[in-house]
Amino acid sequence: LDDSVLREALVAGVCLGLPGVSVAIATKDGVVFSGTDGYSDLGERLPLHANDRFCVGSITKTFVAVVTLQLVEEGKVDLSCTAMDYLSRLPCGECVAQVPNTDTATIRQLLSHQSGVPTWEFQPDWIRAGRGEKMVPGYVFDKAETLSYCSKDLLPPTGAPGEKFSYSNTNYTLLGLIIEAVTGNDAAHEIRTRIIEPLGLRHTFLESFEDPAVVCDPVLPSGGQALCHHYHFATPSFLQTAGYSLRIFGPPLSSSTSGLHRYLVDSSKANLSPEWCAGGMAMRAEDLALYTRALRDGTLLSAAMQREMFTYYPPALDEIGDDSSGTSTGRRLSQLGSFYCQV
């Protein structure tokens, strides 16, 4: 395999301003390419290595979708039921009831982002508390705590259930709570026993809810860090909304780096607990490649549930989508977002 083109692409990514790039490619024969370039920590100039773990963001949602569909296959979850059907009698039920559409949107609509349930992640109060000046380093959000930022008195629904596609982290916070309600186990446990362990993903964990020193391979990533440093673009809108704080972000990277990196702030003091089932997974690139291969090949789901996961259910307003940022989107994004597989 001549991987020179791939390695040049890694270098190009870093030259464009990314702190570091890690890529792995897996086929039926296993991982056939693995490469890195750049840094796992810009401040300390630690080189990135293949075993370094990244937050994989909303790819987490695919893990949650797989577990949910496995529970459908087992008769523990009904795609036509609502979040309130499963959560109303639990301690979190009162908070869930305050979120728009939780008593009318179905599980299928939560999975496909057609629920009309608003997302907590763009709510200014949450940005300040979860990623900005009011953040408390080391504080772990309760699993249902983010729901208080998208209650009916703060955010309206983005539409009626099934009306249109509107991407929402809240959908997958609710699905995580449902997984725990019907299994009696932590969502992290269900993801681990149903996906991570069967696939042999040795550098994968749900950050803040699993200890990587316990559940991951003992071979430490670079610098002995459980997770690579993560960064945020220092856009004026982010800094104004979040509130810049030396206590949170440290000195600007412009004082220690050059090029495009000077437009980043180090947000590593923010853990991933608020993201939880909406975006809290961390893993190395090779694990991600192996997981994606299994997702594609149907290793994790029955044939019926595999079809369900990749079936497009058109929303009523199919020609105009909404990505929750106020940007109108065309049919293509609306269609892609309606799959359960949000890769």
C-alpha atoms as a PDB file:
ATOM      1  CA  LEU A   1       0.000   0.000   0.000  1.00  0.00           C
ATOM      2  CA  ASP A   2       1.454   3.343  -1.099  1.00  0.00           C
ATOM      3  CA  ASP A   3       0.276   5.646   1.665  1.00  0.00           C
ATOM      4  CA  SER A   4       2.221   8.724   0.587  1.00  0.00           C
ATOM      5  CA  VAL A   5      -0.927  10.529  -0.597  1.00  0.00           C
ATOM      6  CA  LEU A   6      -2.651   9.825   2.711  1.00  0.00           C
ATOM      7  CA  ARG A   7       0.296  11.080   4.713  1.00  0.00           C
ATOM      8  CA  GLU A   8       0.465  14.227   2.614  1.00  0.00           C
ATOM      9  CA  ALA A   9      -3.216  14.789   3.424  1.00  0.00           C
ATOM     10  CA  LEU A  10      -2.419  14.594   7.144  1.00  0.00           C
ATOM     11  CA  VAL A  11       0.253  17.255   6.765  1.00  0.00           C
ATOM     12  CA  ALA A  12      -2.132  19.394   4.714  1.00  0.00           C
ATOM     13  CA  GLY A  13      -4.732  19.221   7.497  1.00  0.00           C
ATOM     14  CA  VAL A  14      -2.264  20.516  10.052  1.00  0.00           C
ATOM     15  CA  CYS A  15      -1.123  23.234   7.666  1.00  0.00           C
ATOM     16  CA  LEU A  16      -4.751  24.381   7.427  1.00  0.00           C
ATOM     17  CA  GLY A  17      -4.728  25.031  11.154  1.00  0.00           C
ATOM     18  CA  LEU A  18      -5.865  21.818  12.820  1.00  0.00           C
ATOM     19  CA  PRO A  19      -3.932  21.077  16.043  1.00  0.00           C
ATOM     20  CA  GLY A  20      -3.500  17.464  15.011  1.00  0.00           C
ATOM     21  CA  VAL A  21      -4.949  14.858  12.667  1.00  0.00           C
ATOM     22  CA  SER A  22      -5.341  11.127  13.266  1.00  0.00           C
ATOM     23  CA  VAL A  23      -6.677   8.861  10.517  1.00  0.00           C
ATOM     24  CA  ALA A  24      -7.318   5.134  10.292  1.00  0.00           C
ATOM     25  CA  ILE A  25      -8.819   3.061   7.482  1.00  0.00           C
ATOM     26  CA  ALA A  26     -10.336  -0.379   8.063  1.00  0.00           C
ATOM     27  CA  THR A  27     -11.507  -2.989   5.566  1.00  0.00           C
ATOM     28  CA  LYS A  28     -12.612  -6.596   5.977  1.00  0.00           C
ATOM     29  CA  ASP A  29      -8.929  -7.355   6.528  1.00  0.00           C
ATOM     30  CA  GLY A  30      -8.706  -5.067   9.560  1.00  0.00           C
ATOM     31  CA  VAL A  31      -6.956  -1.703   9.928  1.00  0.00           C
ATOM     32  CA  VAL A  32      -4.955  -1.177   6.735  1.00  0.00           C
ATOM     33  CA  PHE A  33      -3.752   2.382   7.386  1.00  0.00           C
ATOM     34  CA  SER A  34      -3.072   4.440  10.489  1.00  0.00           C
ATOM     35  CA  GLY A  35      -1.338   7.798  10.519  1.00  0.00           C
ATOM     36  CA  THR A  36      -1.033  10.998  12.526  1.00  0.00           C
ATOM     37  CA  ASP A  37       0.427  14.450  12.260  1.00  0.00           C
ATOM     38  CA  GLY A  38       0.445  17.487  14.520  1.00  0.00           C
ATOM     39  CA  TYR A  39       0.052  17.707  18.265  1.00  0.00           C
ATOM     40  CA  SER A  40      -2.097  16.272  21.039  1.00  0.00           C
ATOM     41  CA  ASP A  41      -1.271  19.338  23.150  1.00  0.00           C
ATOM     42  CA  LEU A  42      -0.341  22.573  21.396  1.00  0.00           C
ATOM     43  CA  GLY A  43       0.893  24.286  24.550  1.00  0.00           C
ATOM     44  CA  GLU A  44       3.351  21.520  25.434  1.00  0.00           C
ATOM     45  CA  ARG A  45       4.012  20.645  21.763  1.00  0.00           C
ATOM     46  CA  LEU A  46       3.333  16.964  22.392  1.00  0.00           C
ATOM     47  CA  PRO A  47       3.326  15.021  19.106  1.00  0.00           C
ATOM     48  CA  LEU A  48       0.122  13.165  18.294  1.00  0.00           C
ATOM     49  CA  HIS A  49       0.293   9.342  18.326  1.00  0.00           C
ATOM     50  CA  ALA A  50      -1.998   6.647  16.940  1.00  0.00           C
ATOM     51  CA  ASN A  51      -3.227   5.591  20.403  1.00  0.00           C
ATOM     52  CA  ASP A  52      -4.269   9.116  21.347  1.00  0.00           C
ATOM     53  CA  ARG A  53      -7.974   9.419  22.031  1.00  0.00           C
ATOM     54  CA  PHE A  54     -10.210  12.175  20.748  1.00  0.00           C
ATOM     55  CA  CYS A  55     -13.701  13.259  21.605  1.00  0.00           C
ATOM     56  CA  VAL A  56     -15.690  12.019  18.604  1.00  0.00           C
ATOM     57  CA  GLY A  57     -18.631  14.331  19.217  1.00  0.00           C
ATOM     58  CA  SER A  58     -21.928  13.413  17.662  1.00  0.00           C
ATOM     59  CA  ILE A  59     -20.647  10.086  16.353  1.00  0.00           C
ATOM     60  CA  THR A  60     -21.650   9.131  19.905  1.00  0.00           C
ATOM     61  CA  LYS A  61     -25.248   9.317  18.693  1.00  0.00           C
ATOM     62  CA  THR A  62     -24.706   6.327  16.444  1.00  0.00           C
ATOM     63  CA  PHE A  63     -23.718   4.210  19.463  1.00  0.00           C
ATOM     64  CA  VAL A  64     -26.888   5.290  21.238  1.00  0.00           C
ATOM     65  CA  ALA A  65     -28.984   4.613  18.140  1.00  0.00           C
ATOM     66  CA  VAL A  66     -27.559   1.081  17.891  1.00  0.00           C
ATOM     67  CA  VAL A  67     -28.327   0.321  21.535  1.00  0.00           C
ATOM     68  CA  THR A  68     -31.838   1.758  21.173  1.00  0.00           C
ATOM     69  CA  LEU A  69     -32.561  -0.418  18.140  1.00  0.00           C
ATOM     70  CA  GLN A  70     -31.184  -3.488  19.888  1.00  0.00           C
ATOM     71  CA  LEU A  71     -33.660  -2.751  22.687  1.00  0.00           C
ATOM     72  CA  VAL A  72     -36.430  -2.438  20.085  1.00  0.00           C
ATOM     73  CA  GLU A  73     -35.473  -5.891  18.798  1.00  0.00           C
ATOM     74  CA  GLU A  74     -35.654  -7.199  22.373  1.00  0.00           C
ATOM     75  CA  GLY A  75     -39.139  -5.748  22.866  1.00  0.00           C
ATOM     76  CA  LYS A  76     -38.031  -3.251  25.526  1.00  0.00           C
ATOM     77  CA  VAL A  77     -38.508  -0.116  23.431  1.00  0.00           C
ATOM     78  CA  ASP A  78     -41.345   0.754  21.037  1.00  0.00           C
ATOM     79  CA  LEU A  79     -40.450   3.198  18.263  1.00  0.00           C
ATOM     80  CA  SER A  80     -44.003   4.588  18.285  1.00  0.00           C
ATOM     81  CA  CYS A  81     -43.900   5.535  21.987  1.00  0.00           C
ATOM     82  CA  THR A  82     -42.756   8.882  23.414  1.00  0.00           C
ATOM     83  CA  ALA A  83     -40.067   9.872  25.892  1.00  0.00           C
ATOM     84  CA  MET A  84     -42.711  10.580  28.519  1.00  0.00           C
ATOM     85  CA  ASP A  85     -44.091   7.060  28.099  1.00  0.00           C
ATOM     86  CA  TYR A  86     -40.811   5.775  29.551  1.00  0.00           C
ATOM     87  CA  LEU A  87     -39.692   8.614  31.810  1.00  0.00           C
ATOM     88  CA  SER A  88     -42.777  10.222  33.359  1.00  0.00           C
ATOM     89  CA  ARG A  89     -42.623   8.220  36.597  1.00  0.00           C
ATOM     90  CA  LEU A  90     -38.862   8.573  37.109  1.00  0.00           C
ATOM     91  CA  PRO A  91     -37.084  11.316  39.098  1.00  0.00           C
ATOM     92  CA  CYS A  92     -36.153  13.005  35.802  1.00  0.00           C
ATOM     93  CA  GLY A  93     -39.772  12.897  34.604  1.00  0.00           C
ATOM     94  CA  GLU A  94     -40.712  16.370  35.815  1.00  0.00           C
ATOM     95  CA  CYS A  95     -37.730  17.907  34.028  1.00  0.00           C
ATOM     96  CA  VAL A  96     -38.450  15.900  30.859  1.00  0.00           C
ATOM     97  CA  ALA A  97     -42.073  17.066  30.912  1.00  0.00           C
ATOM     98  CA  GLN A  98     -40.905  20.693  30.745  1.00  0.00           C
ATOM     99  CA  VAL A  99     -39.160  20.112  27.397  1.00  0.00           C
ATOM    100  CA  PRO A 100     -41.353  20.809  24.347  1.00  0.00           C
ATOM    101  CA  ASN A 101     -42.753  17.805  22.433  1.00  0.00           C
ATOM    102  CA  THR A 102     -41.531  15.103  24.830  1.00  0.00           C
ATOM    103  CA  ASP A 103     -45.090  13.873  25.229  1.00  0.00           C
ATOM    104  CA  THR A 104     -45.866  13.781  21.505  1.00  0.00           C
ATOM    105  CA  ALA A 105     -42.659  13.040  19.544  1.00  0.00           C
ATOM    106  CA  THR A 106     -41.992   9.342  19.015  1.00  0.00           C
ATOM    107  CA  ILE A 107     -38.755   7.469  19.671  1.00  0.00           C
ATOM    108  CA  ARG A 108     -38.310   7.142  15.904  1.00  0.00           C
ATOM    109  CA  GLN A 109     -38.586  10.929  15.590  1.00  0.00           C
ATOM    110  CA  LEU A 110     -36.046  11.430  18.366  1.00  0.00           C
ATOM    111  CA  LEU A 111     -33.648   9.104  16.565  1.00  0.00           C
ATOM    112  CA  SER A 112     -34.055  10.859  13.229  1.00  0.00           C
ATOM    113  CA  HIS A 113     -34.088  14.455  14.546  1.00  0.00           C
ATOM    114  CA  GLN A 114     -37.664  15.070  13.457  1.00  0.00           C
ATOM    115  CA  SER A 115     -39.039  15.478  16.986  1.00  0.00           C
ATOM    116  CA  GLY A 116     -39.176  19.267  17.089  1.00  0.00           C
ATOM    117  CA  VAL A 117     -37.471  19.060  20.501  1.00  0.00           C
ATOM    118  CA  PRO A 118     -35.126  22.088  20.825  1.00  0.00           C
ATOM    119  CA  THR A 119     -31.447  21.592  21.539  1.00  0.00           C
ATOM    120  CA  TRP A 120     -29.754  22.771  24.728  1.00  0.00           C
ATOM    121  CA  GLU A 121     -26.311  23.212  23.167  1.00  0.00           C
ATOM    122  CA  PHE A 122     -26.938  26.643  21.621  1.00  0.00           C
ATOM    123  CA  GLN A 123     -28.773  28.081  24.636  1.00  0.00           C
ATOM    124  CA  PRO A 124     -26.607  31.026  25.805  1.00  0.00           C
ATOM    125  CA  ASP A 125     -26.951  30.225  29.519  1.00  0.00           C
ATOM    126  CA  TRP A 126     -25.684  26.700  28.892  1.00  0.00           C
ATOM    127  CA  ILE A 127     -22.758  27.915  26.780  1.00  0.00           C
ATOM    128  CA  ARG A 128     -21.608  30.115  29.655  1.00  0.00           C
ATOM    129  CA  ALA A 129     -22.112  27.355  32.243  1.00  0.00           C
ATOM    130  CA  GLY A 130     -20.799  24.465  30.179  1.00  0.00           C
ATOM    131  CA  ARG A 131     -18.087  26.063  28.057  1.00  0.00           C
ATOM    132  CA  GLY A 132     -17.503  29.603  29.297  1.00  0.00           C
ATOM    133  CA  GLU A 133     -16.971  31.989  32.159  1.00  0.00           C
ATOM    134  CA  LYS A 134     -19.381  30.263  34.575  1.00  0.00           C
ATOM    135  CA  MET A 135     -17.951  26.799  34.039  1.00  0.00           C
ATOM    136  CA  VAL A 136     -16.680  24.967  37.119  1.00  0.00           C
ATOM    137  CA  PRO A 137     -13.673  22.798  36.113  1.00  0.00           C
ATOM    138  CA  GLY A 138     -14.167  19.201  37.210  1.00  0.00           C
ATOM    139  CA  TYR A 139     -17.918  19.578  37.666  1.00  0.00           C
ATOM    140  CA  VAL A 140     -19.821  16.629  36.187  1.00  0.00           C
ATOM    141  CA  PHE A 141     -23.266  17.475  34.885  1.00  0.00           C
ATOM    142  CA  ASP A 142     -26.148  15.270  35.953  1.00  0.00           C
ATOM    143  CA  LYS A 143     -27.421  13.270  32.999  1.00  0.00           C
ATOM    144  CA  ALA A 144     -30.710  15.199  32.846  1.00  0.00           C
ATOM    145  CA  GLU A 145     -29.295  18.582  33.874  1.00  0.00           C
ATOM    146  CA  THR A 146     -28.982  19.955  30.346  1.00  0.00           C
ATOM    147  CA  LEU A 147     -32.751  19.561  29.908  1.00  0.00           C
ATOM    148  CA  SER A 148     -33.273  22.543  32.203  1.00  0.00           C
ATOM    149  CA  TYR A 149     -31.724  24.732  29.509  1.00  0.00           C
ATOM    150  CA  CYS A 150     -34.363  23.832  26.905  1.00  0.00           C
ATOM    151  CA  SER A 151     -37.554  23.965  28.938  1.00  0.00           C
ATOM    152  CA  LYS A 152     -40.700  25.457  27.453  1.00  0.00           C
ATOM    153  CA  ASP A 153     -40.147  28.810  29.144  1.00  0.00           C
ATOM    154  CA  LEU A 154     -36.691  29.129  27.543  1.00  0.00           C
ATOM    155  CA  LEU A 155     -36.985  27.551  24.088  1.00  0.00           C
ATOM    156  CA  PRO A 156     -39.956  26.878  21.810  1.00  0.00           C
ATOM    157  CA  PRO A 157     -40.238  23.655  19.813  1.00  0.00           C
ATOM    158  CA  THR A 158     -38.509  23.780  16.444  1.00  0.00           C
ATOM    159  CA  GLY A 159     -41.632  22.350  14.842  1.00  0.00           C
ATOM    160  CA  ALA A 160     -44.342  19.776  15.270  1.00  0.00           C
ATOM    161  CA  PRO A 161     -43.177  16.148  15.530  1.00  0.00           C
ATOM    162  CA  GLY A 162     -42.496  14.832  12.033  1.00  0.00           C
ATOM    163  CA  GLU A 163     -42.793  18.279  10.467  1.00  0.00           C
ATOM    164  CA  LYS A 164     -39.145  18.799   9.572  1.00  0.00           C
ATOM    165  CA  PHE A 165     -35.554  17.821  10.318  1.00  0.00           C
ATOM    166  CA  SER A 166     -33.969  19.852  13.111  1.00  0.00           C
ATOM    167  CA  TYR A 167     -30.755  18.599  14.683  1.00  0.00           C
ATOM    168  CA  SER A 168     -30.959  18.467  18.476  1.00  0.00           C
ATOM    169  CA  ASN A 169     -28.614  17.107  21.127  1.00  0.00           C
ATOM    170  CA  THR A 170     -31.626  16.909  23.425  1.00  0.00           C
ATOM    171  CA  ASN A 171     -33.027  14.015  21.381  1.00  0.00           C
ATOM    172  CA  TYR A 172     -30.096  11.837  22.372  1.00  0.00           C
ATOM    173  CA  THR A 173     -30.021  13.016  25.975  1.00  0.00           C
ATOM    174  CA  LEU A 174     -33.599  11.714  26.139  1.00  0.00           C
ATOM    175  CA  LEU A 175     -32.654   8.449  24.418  1.00  0.00           C
ATOM    176  CA  GLY A 176     -29.859   7.916  26.947  1.00  0.00           C
ATOM    177  CA  LEU A 177     -32.350   8.337  29.778  1.00  0.00           C
ATOM    178  CA  ILE A 178     -34.715   5.897  28.075  1.00  0.00           C
ATOM    179  CA  ILE A 179     -31.945   3.299  27.706  1.00  0.00           C
ATOM    180  CA  GLU A 180     -31.265   3.552  31.430  1.00  0.00           C
ATOM    181  CA  ALA A 181     -34.977   3.420  32.283  1.00  0.00           C
ATOM    182  CA  VAL A 182     -35.704   0.206  30.387  1.00  0.00           C
ATOM    183  CA  THR A 183     -32.468  -1.650  31.229  1.00  0.00           C
ATOM    184  CA  GLY A 184     -31.849  -0.502  34.793  1.00  0.00           C
ATOM    185  CA  ASN A 185     -28.189   0.054  33.864  1.00  0.00           C
ATOM    186  CA  ASP A 186     -26.044   3.069  33.055  1.00  0.00           C
ATOM    187  CA  ALA A 187     -26.041   3.941  29.376  1.00  0.00           C
ATOM    188  CA  ALA A 188     -22.232   3.623  29.483  1.00  0.00           C
ATOM    189  CA  HIS A 189     -22.584   0.009  30.624  1.00  0.00           C
ATOM    190  CA  GLU A 190     -25.030  -0.812  27.827  1.00  0.00           C
ATOM    191  CA  ILE A 191     -22.804   0.777  25.175  1.00  0.00           C
ATOM    192  CA  ARG A 192     -19.766  -1.062  26.515  1.00  0.00           C
ATOM    193  CA  THR A 193     -21.302  -4.536  26.793  1.00  0.00           C
ATOM    194  CA  ARG A 194     -23.257  -4.316  23.536  1.00  0.00           C
ATOM    195  CA  ILE A 195     -20.739  -2.555  21.263  1.00  0.00           C
ATOM    196  CA  ILE A 196     -17.316  -1.708  22.683  1.00  0.00           C
ATOM    197  CA  GLU A 197     -16.400  -5.084  24.187  1.00  0.00           C
ATOM    198  CA  PRO A 198     -17.814  -7.292  21.390  1.00  0.00           C
ATOM    199  CA  LEU A 199     -15.831  -5.278  18.826  1.00  0.00           C
ATOM    200  CA  GLY A 200     -12.640  -5.211  20.909  1.00  0.00           C
ATOM    201  CA  LEU A 201     -12.372  -1.405  20.956  1.00  0.00           C
ATOM    202  CA  ARG A 202      -9.509  -1.035  23.421  1.00  0.00           C
ATOM    203  CA  HIS A 203      -9.256   2.759  23.489  1.00  0.00           C
ATOM    204  CA  THR A 204     -12.921   3.783  23.686  1.00  0.00           C
ATOM    205  CA  PHE A 205     -14.885   5.139  26.639  1.00  0.00           C
ATOM    206  CA  LEU A 206     -17.732   7.478  27.605  1.00  0.00           C
ATOM    207  CA  GLU A 207     -15.881  10.422  29.102  1.00  0.00           C
ATOM    208  CA  SER A 208     -16.868  11.506  32.642  1.00  0.00           C
ATOM    209  CA  PHE A 209     -18.906   8.314  33.099  1.00  0.00           C
ATOM    210  CA  GLU A 210     -16.149   5.719  32.675  1.00  0.00           C
ATOM    211  CA  ASP A 211     -12.586   5.684  33.967  1.00  0.00           C
ATOM    212  CA  PRO A 212     -10.246   5.078  31.010  1.00  0.00           C
ATOM    213  CA  ALA A 213      -7.600   3.744  33.405  1.00  0.00           C
ATOM    214  CA  VAL A 214     -10.028   0.925  34.214  1.00  0.00           C
ATOM    215  CA  VAL A 215     -11.848   0.213  30.944  1.00  0.00           C
ATOM    216  CA  CYS A 216      -9.186   0.977  28.325  1.00  0.00           C
ATOM    217  CA  ASP A 217      -5.944  -0.638  27.224  1.00  0.00           C
ATOM    218  CA  PRO A 218      -3.171   0.109  29.759  1.00  0.00           C
ATOM    219  CA  VAL A 219      -0.924   1.496  27.004  1.00  0.00           C
ATOM    220  CA  LEU A 220      -1.118   5.234  27.668  1.00  0.00           C
ATOM    221  CA  PRO A 221      -1.569   7.801  24.894  1.00  0.00           C
ATOM    222  CA  SER A 222       1.063  10.524  24.475  1.00  0.00           C
ATOM    223  CA  GLY A 223       1.884  12.421  27.623  1.00  0.00           C
ATOM    224  CA  GLY A 224      -0.117   9.955  29.694  1.00  0.00           C
ATOM    225  CA  GLN A 225      -3.306  11.872  28.892  1.00  0.00           C
ATOM    226  CA  ALA A 226      -6.659  10.103  28.911  1.00  0.00           C
ATOM    227  CA  LEU A 227      -7.852  12.449  26.182  1.00  0.00           C
ATOM    228  CA  CYS A 228      -6.139  14.808  23.762  1.00  0.00           C
ATOM    229  CA  HIS A 229      -6.435  18.476  24.525  1.00  0.00           C
ATOM    230  CA  HIS A 230      -9.398  19.964  22.728  1.00  0.00           C
ATOM    231  CA  TYR A 231      -9.736  23.438  21.306  1.00  0.00           C
ATOM    232  CA  HIS A 232     -12.381  25.898  20.217  1.00  0.00           C
ATOM    233  CA  PHE A 233     -12.165  28.472  17.479  1.00  0.00           C
ATOM    234  CA  ALA A 234     -11.851  31.851  19.180  1.00  0.00           C
ATOM    235  CA  THR A 235     -14.535  33.492  17.082  1.00  0.00           C
ATOM    236  CA  PRO A 236     -15.914  36.811  18.342  1.00  0.00           C
ATOM    237  CA  SER A 237     -19.405  35.292  18.633  1.00  0.00           C
ATOM    238  CA  PHE A 238     -18.177  32.397  20.788  1.00  0.00           C
ATOM    239  CA  LEU A 239     -16.057  34.566  23.044  1.00  0.00           C
ATOM    240  CA  GLN A 240     -18.885  37.059  23.474  1.00  0.00           C
ATOM    241  CA  THR A 241     -21.475  34.366  24.267  1.00  0.00           C
ATOM    242  CA  ALA A 242     -19.255  32.141  26.422  1.00  0.00           C
ATOM    243  CA  GLY A 243     -17.326  34.941  28.080  1.00  0.00           C
ATOM    244  CA  TYR A 244     -13.551  34.704  27.836  1.00  0.00           C
ATOM    245  CA  SER A 245     -11.883  33.695  31.091  1.00  0.00           C
ATOM    246  CA  LEU A 246      -8.186  33.125  31.773  1.00  0.00           C
ATOM    247  CA  ARG A 247      -9.284  30.800  34.576  1.00  0.00           C
ATOM    248  CA  ILE A 248     -11.046  28.571  32.035  1.00  0.00           C
ATOM    249  CA  PHE A 249      -9.075  28.928  28.816  1.00  0.00           C
ATOM    250  CA  GLY A 250      -5.633  29.970  30.020  1.00  0.00           C
ATOM    251  CA  PRO A 251      -3.582  32.482  28.059  1.00  0.00           C
ATOM    252  CA  PRO A 252      -4.372  32.854  24.362  1.00  0.00           C
ATOM    253  CA  LEU A 253      -2.508  30.397  22.173  1.00  0.00           C
ATOM    254  CA  SER A 254      -1.149  33.355  20.257  1.00  0.00           C
ATOM    255  CA  SER A 255       1.381  33.707  23.090  1.00  0.00           C
ATOM    256  CA  SER A 256       2.910  30.281  22.445  1.00  0.00           C
ATOM    257  CA  THR A 257       1.977  29.266  18.895  1.00  0.00           C
ATOM    258  CA  SER A 258       1.955  30.722  15.438  1.00  0.00           C
ATOM    259  CA  GLY A 259      -0.065  30.513  12.249  1.00  0.00           C
ATOM    260  CA  LEU A 260      -3.749  29.616  12.369  1.00  0.00           C
ATOM    261  CA  HIS A 261      -3.372  28.028  15.819  1.00  0.00           C
ATOM    262  CA  ARG A 262      -3.381  31.498  17.346  1.00  0.00           C
ATOM    263  CA  TYR A 263      -7.120  31.654  16.607  1.00  0.00           C
ATOM    264  CA  LEU A 264      -7.818  28.754  18.988  1.00  0.00           C
ATOM    265  CA  VAL A 265      -8.469  28.618  22.727  1.00  0.00           C
ATOM    266  CA  ASP A 266      -7.765  25.537  24.827  1.00  0.00           C
ATOM    267  CA  SER A 267     -11.125  24.276  26.125  1.00  0.00           C
ATOM    268  CA  SER A 268      -9.734  21.105  27.737  1.00  0.00           C
ATOM    269  CA  LYS A 269     -10.899  22.078  31.233  1.00  0.00           C
ATOM    270  CA  ALA A 270     -14.435  21.464  30.016  1.00  0.00           C
ATOM    271  CA  ASN A 271     -15.311  17.792  30.381  1.00  0.00           C
ATOM    272  CA  LEU A 272     -17.845  16.032  28.167  1.00  0.00           C
ATOM    273  CA  SER A 273     -20.423  15.251  30.852  1.00  0.00           C
ATOM    274  CA  PRO A 274     -23.118  17.571  29.455  1.00  0.00           C
ATOM    275  CA  GLU A 275     -22.759  15.935  26.032  1.00  0.00           C
ATOM    276  CA  TRP A 276     -23.110  12.418  27.520  1.00  0.00           C
ATOM    277  CA  CYS A 277     -25.195  10.349  25.044  1.00  0.00           C
ATOM    278  CA  ALA A 278     -25.298  13.223  22.571  1.00  0.00           C
ATOM    279  CA  GLY A 279     -21.529  13.566  22.168  1.00  0.00           C
ATOM    280  CA  GLY A 280     -19.421  12.263  25.045  1.00  0.00           C
ATOM    281  CA  MET A 281     -17.586   9.288  23.506  1.00  0.00           C
ATOM    282  CA  ALA A 282     -13.802   9.340  23.237  1.00  0.00           C
ATOM    283  CA  MET A 283     -11.786   6.904  21.142  1.00  0.00           C
ATOM    284  CA  ARG A 284      -8.697   6.490  19.002  1.00  0.00           C
ATOM    285  CA  ALA A 285      -8.947   6.577  15.212  1.00  0.00           C
ATOM    286  CA  GLU A 286      -8.369   2.812  14.778  1.00  0.00           C
ATOM    287  CA  ASP A 287     -11.262   2.011  17.106  1.00  0.00           C
ATOM    288  CA  LEU A 288     -13.485   4.402  15.186  1.00  0.00           C
ATOM    289  CA  ALA A 289     -12.582   2.751  11.884  1.00  0.00           C
ATOM    290  CA  LEU A 290     -13.365  -0.718  13.249  1.00  0.00           C
ATOM    291  CA  TYR A 291     -16.658   0.480  14.717  1.00  0.00           C
ATOM    292  CA  THR A 292     -17.710   2.163  11.475  1.00  0.00           C
ATOM    293  CA  ARG A 293     -16.912  -1.022   9.558  1.00  0.00           C
ATOM    294  CA  ALA A 294     -19.145  -3.027  11.923  1.00  0.00           C
ATOM    295  CA  LEU A 295     -21.895  -0.428  11.608  1.00  0.00           C
ATOM    296  CA  ARG A 296     -21.763  -0.663   7.827  1.00  0.00           C
ATOM    297  CA  ASP A 297     -21.618  -4.448   7.703  1.00  0.00           C
ATOM    298  CA  GLY A 298     -24.563  -5.082  10.007  1.00  0.00           C
ATOM    299  CA  THR A 299     -22.489  -6.771  12.697  1.00  0.00           C
ATOM    300  CA  LEU A 300     -24.280  -4.922  15.500  1.00  0.00           C
ATOM    301  CA  LEU A 301     -27.915  -5.160  14.412  1.00  0.00           C
ATOM    302  CA  SER A 302     -30.371  -7.677  13.038  1.00  0.00           C
ATOM    303  CA  ALA A 303     -31.276  -7.298   9.358  1.00  0.00           C
ATOM    304  CA  ALA A 304     -34.585  -5.654  10.299  1.00  0.00           C
ATOM    305  CA  MET A 305     -32.974  -3.131  12.636  1.00  0.00           C
ATOM    306  CA  GLN A 306     -30.160  -2.461  10.153  1.00  0.00           C
ATOM    307  CA  ARG A 307     -32.824  -1.512   7.597  1.00  0.00           C
ATOM    308  CA  GLU A 308     -34.537   0.646  10.216  1.00  0.00           C
ATOM    309  CA  MET A 309     -31.324   2.496  11.025  1.00  0.00           C
ATOM    310  CA  PHE A 310     -30.600   3.346   7.402  1.00  0.00           C
ATOM    311  CA  THR A 311     -34.166   3.998   6.227  1.00  0.00           C
ATOM    312  CA  TYR A 312     -35.015   7.561   5.314  1.00  0.00           C
ATOM    313  CA  TYR A 313     -38.320   8.782   6.726  1.00  0.00           C
ATOM    314  CA  PRO A 314     -39.201  12.016   4.906  1.00  0.00           C
ATOM    315  CA  PRO A 315     -40.396  14.839   7.152  1.00  0.00           C
ATOM    316  CA  ALA A 316     -43.556  16.678   6.173  1.00  0.00           C
ATOM    317  CA  LEU A 317     -41.549  19.720   5.048  1.00  0.00           C
ATOM    318  CA  ASP A 318     -39.041  17.722   3.062  1.00  0.00           C
ATOM    319  CA  GLU A 319     -37.733  20.517   0.889  1.00  0.00           C
ATOM    320  CA  ILE A 320     -36.663  22.833   3.717  1.00  0.00           C
ATOM    321  CA  GLY A 321     -34.660  21.644   6.692  1.00  0.00           C
ATOM    322  CA  ASP A 322     -33.311  23.431   9.732  1.00  0.00           C
ATOM    323  CA  ASP A 323     -29.928  22.763  11.310  1.00  0.00           C
ATOM    324  CA  SER A 324     -30.935  24.639  14.496  1.00  0.00           C
ATOM    325  CA  SER A 325     -28.553  27.478  13.709  1.00  0.00           C
ATOM    326  CA  GLY A 326     -31.072  29.539  11.765  1.00  0.00           C
ATOM    327  CA  THR A 327     -29.615  28.397   8.435  1.00  0.00           C
ATOM    328  CA  SER A 328     -32.062  27.068   5.890  1.00  0.00           C
ATOM    329  CA  THR A 329     -30.957  23.807   4.337  1.00  0.00           C
ATOM    330  CA  GLY A 330     -32.030  21.997   1.226  1.00  0.00           C
ATOM    331  CA  ARG A 331     -33.348  18.516   0.633  1.00  0.00           C
ATOM    332  CA  ARG A 332     -29.931  16.856   0.707  1.00  0.00           C
ATOM    333  CA  LEU A 333     -29.072  17.831   4.311  1.00  0.00           C
ATOM    334  CA  SER A 334     -32.639  17.141   5.424  1.00  0.00           C
ATOM    335  CA  GLN A 335     -32.394  13.654   3.982  1.00  0.00           C
ATOM    336  CA  LEU A 336     -28.971  12.846   5.404  1.00  0.00           C
ATOM    337  CA  GLY A 337     -29.978  14.049   8.828  1.00  0.00           C
ATOM    338  CA  SER A 338     -33.004  11.802   8.900  1.00  0.00           C
ATOM    339  CA  PHE A 339     -30.934   8.642   9.022  1.00  0.00           C
ATOM    340  CA  TYR A 340     -30.178   7.376  12.504  1.00  0.00           C
ATOM    341  CA  CYS A 341     -26.535   7.178  11.455  1.00  0.00           C
ATOM    342  CA  GLN A 342     -25.261  10.710  12.108  1.00  0.00           C
ATOM    343  CA  VAL A 343     -21.628  10.184  11.083  1.00  0.00           C
END
